[in-house]
Amino acid sequence: MRYWRGPVWLIVSYMAADGLEHASVPDMIDRIMGDCLPLIEIIGSGEYHDPITAEPCGGAHFTWTAAMVIEILHTYEFAA
């Protein structure tokens, strides 16, 4: 099953950034989180995104994606 393998999930990106923060790897955090908001702004919100085309997939306007945008804006200054 490919469902969790390959697609871009905002919640997984956030968890990776959180782990990198605990490991003191700020450059990677900026890169990961810096790509998340433009993905939503330019391409649109979805449950997850295609890793090649960035097309929104799954449920449209998925609530955990919206929740992650709020959390990213709240947590990372550069994202605002």
C-alpha atoms as a PDB file:
ATOM      1  CA  MET A   1       0.000   0.000   0.000  1.00  0.00           C
ATOM      2  CA  ARG A   2       1.419   3.376  -1.062  1.00  0.00           C
ATOM      3  CA  TYR A   3      -0.926   5.553   0.994  1.00  0.00           C
ATOM      4  CA  TRP A   4       1.678   6.539   3.609  1.00  0.00           C
ATOM      5  CA  ARG A   5       4.726   5.998   1.388  1.00  0.00           C
ATOM      6  CA  GLY A   6       5.685   8.827  -0.937  1.00  0.00           C
ATOM      7  CA  PRO A   7       2.937  11.448  -0.649  1.00  0.00           C
ATOM      8  CA  VAL A   8       3.686  14.722   1.116  1.00  0.00           C
ATOM      9  CA  TRP A   9       1.758  15.079   4.380  1.00  0.00           C
ATOM     10  CA  LEU A  10       1.943  18.396   6.224  1.00  0.00           C
ATOM     11  CA  ILE A  11       1.611  16.654   9.580  1.00  0.00           C
ATOM     12  CA  VAL A  12       4.567  14.353   8.815  1.00  0.00           C
ATOM     13  CA  SER A  13       6.664  17.331   7.686  1.00  0.00           C
ATOM     14  CA  TYR A  14       5.820  19.079  10.951  1.00  0.00           C
ATOM     15  CA  MET A  15       6.790  16.014  13.001  1.00  0.00           C
ATOM     16  CA  ALA A  16      10.100  15.754  11.098  1.00  0.00           C
ATOM     17  CA  ALA A  17      10.802  19.445  11.801  1.00  0.00           C
ATOM     18  CA  ASP A  18       9.982  18.909  15.475  1.00  0.00           C
ATOM     19  CA  GLY A  19      12.464  16.039  15.653  1.00  0.00           C
ATOM     20  CA  LEU A  20      15.112  18.130  13.885  1.00  0.00           C
ATOM     21  CA  GLU A  21      14.508  20.915  16.383  1.00  0.00           C
ATOM     22  CA  HIS A  22      15.250  18.515  19.232  1.00  0.00           C
ATOM     23  CA  ALA A  23      18.371  17.385  17.343  1.00  0.00           C
ATOM     24  CA  SER A  24      19.460  21.021  16.824  1.00  0.00           C
ATOM     25  CA  VAL A  25      19.398  20.997  13.020  1.00  0.00           C
ATOM     26  CA  PRO A  26      17.853  24.424  12.269  1.00  0.00           C
ATOM     27  CA  ASP A  27      18.790  24.645   8.576  1.00  0.00           C
ATOM     28  CA  MET A  28      16.698  21.615   7.696  1.00  0.00           C
ATOM     29  CA  ILE A  29      13.778  22.901   9.762  1.00  0.00           C
ATOM     30  CA  ASP A  30      13.773  26.166   7.800  1.00  0.00           C
ATOM     31  CA  ARG A  31      13.822  24.262   4.520  1.00  0.00           C
ATOM     32  CA  ILE A  32      11.003  21.883   5.450  1.00  0.00           C
ATOM     33  CA  MET A  33       8.732  24.441   7.073  1.00  0.00           C
ATOM     34  CA  GLY A  34       9.607  27.078   4.490  1.00  0.00           C
ATOM     35  CA  ASP A  35       8.175  24.821   1.766  1.00  0.00           C
ATOM     36  CA  CYS A  36       4.962  23.897   3.594  1.00  0.00           C
ATOM     37  CA  LEU A  37       3.059  27.166   3.499  1.00  0.00           C
ATOM     38  CA  PRO A  38       3.826  28.026  -0.144  1.00  0.00           C
ATOM     39  CA  LEU A  39       2.617  24.532  -1.048  1.00  0.00           C
ATOM     40  CA  ILE A  40      -0.781  25.305   0.465  1.00  0.00           C
ATOM     41  CA  GLU A  41      -0.897  28.923  -0.786  1.00  0.00           C
ATOM     42  CA  ILE A  42       0.049  28.150  -4.383  1.00  0.00           C
ATOM     43  CA  ILE A  43      -1.278  24.640  -4.973  1.00  0.00           C
ATOM     44  CA  GLY A  44      -4.143  24.407  -2.481  1.00  0.00           C
ATOM     45  CA  SER A  45      -5.087  22.362   0.520  1.00  0.00           C
ATOM     46  CA  GLY A  46      -5.636  18.634   0.469  1.00  0.00           C
ATOM     47  CA  GLU A  47      -5.323  15.669   2.771  1.00  0.00           C
ATOM     48  CA  TYR A  48      -1.847  15.136   1.279  1.00  0.00           C
ATOM     49  CA  HIS A  49       0.074  16.156  -1.867  1.00  0.00           C
ATOM     50  CA  ASP A  50       1.608  14.266  -4.758  1.00  0.00           C
ATOM     51  CA  PRO A  51       5.414  14.235  -4.259  1.00  0.00           C
ATOM     52  CA  ILE A  52       6.116  14.962  -7.941  1.00  0.00           C
ATOM     53  CA  THR A  53       3.374  17.367  -9.071  1.00  0.00           C
ATOM     54  CA  ALA A  54       2.365  18.762  -5.637  1.00  0.00           C
ATOM     55  CA  GLU A  55      -1.266  18.222  -6.653  1.00  0.00           C
ATOM     56  CA  PRO A  56      -3.611  18.057  -3.632  1.00  0.00           C
ATOM     57  CA  CYS A  57      -4.884  14.500  -3.120  1.00  0.00           C
ATOM     58  CA  GLY A  58      -7.306  12.742  -0.824  1.00  0.00           C
ATOM     59  CA  GLY A  59      -9.935  14.802   0.952  1.00  0.00           C
ATOM     60  CA  ALA A  60     -10.169  18.465  -0.047  1.00  0.00           C
ATOM     61  CA  HIS A  61      -9.717  21.086   2.671  1.00  0.00           C
ATOM     62  CA  PHE A  62      -8.677  18.408   5.133  1.00  0.00           C
ATOM     63  CA  THR A  63      -8.886  19.561   8.756  1.00  0.00           C
ATOM     64  CA  TRP A  64      -5.504  18.323   9.941  1.00  0.00           C
ATOM     65  CA  THR A  65      -3.857  20.156   7.061  1.00  0.00           C
ATOM     66  CA  ALA A  66      -5.606  23.345   8.161  1.00  0.00           C
ATOM     67  CA  ALA A  67      -4.597  22.651  11.770  1.00  0.00           C
ATOM     68  CA  MET A  68      -0.969  22.198  10.706  1.00  0.00           C
ATOM     69  CA  VAL A  69      -0.980  25.540   8.856  1.00  0.00           C
ATOM     70  CA  ILE A  70      -2.178  27.221  12.055  1.00  0.00           C
ATOM     71  CA  GLU A  71       0.475  25.396  14.099  1.00  0.00           C
ATOM     72  CA  ILE A  72       3.255  26.292  11.642  1.00  0.00           C
ATOM     73  CA  LEU A  73       2.250  29.961  11.696  1.00  0.00           C
ATOM     74  CA  HIS A  74       2.120  29.863  15.487  1.00  0.00           C
ATOM     75  CA  THR A  75       5.407  27.987  15.979  1.00  0.00           C
ATOM     76  CA  TYR A  76       7.773  29.279  13.297  1.00  0.00           C
ATOM     77  CA  GLU A  77       8.377  33.033  13.070  1.00  0.00           C
ATOM     78  CA  PHE A  78       9.712  32.946   9.509  1.00  0.00           C
ATOM     79  CA  ALA A  79       6.479  31.394   8.279  1.00  0.00           C
ATOM     80  CA  ALA A  80       4.337  34.412   9.190  1.00  0.00           C
END
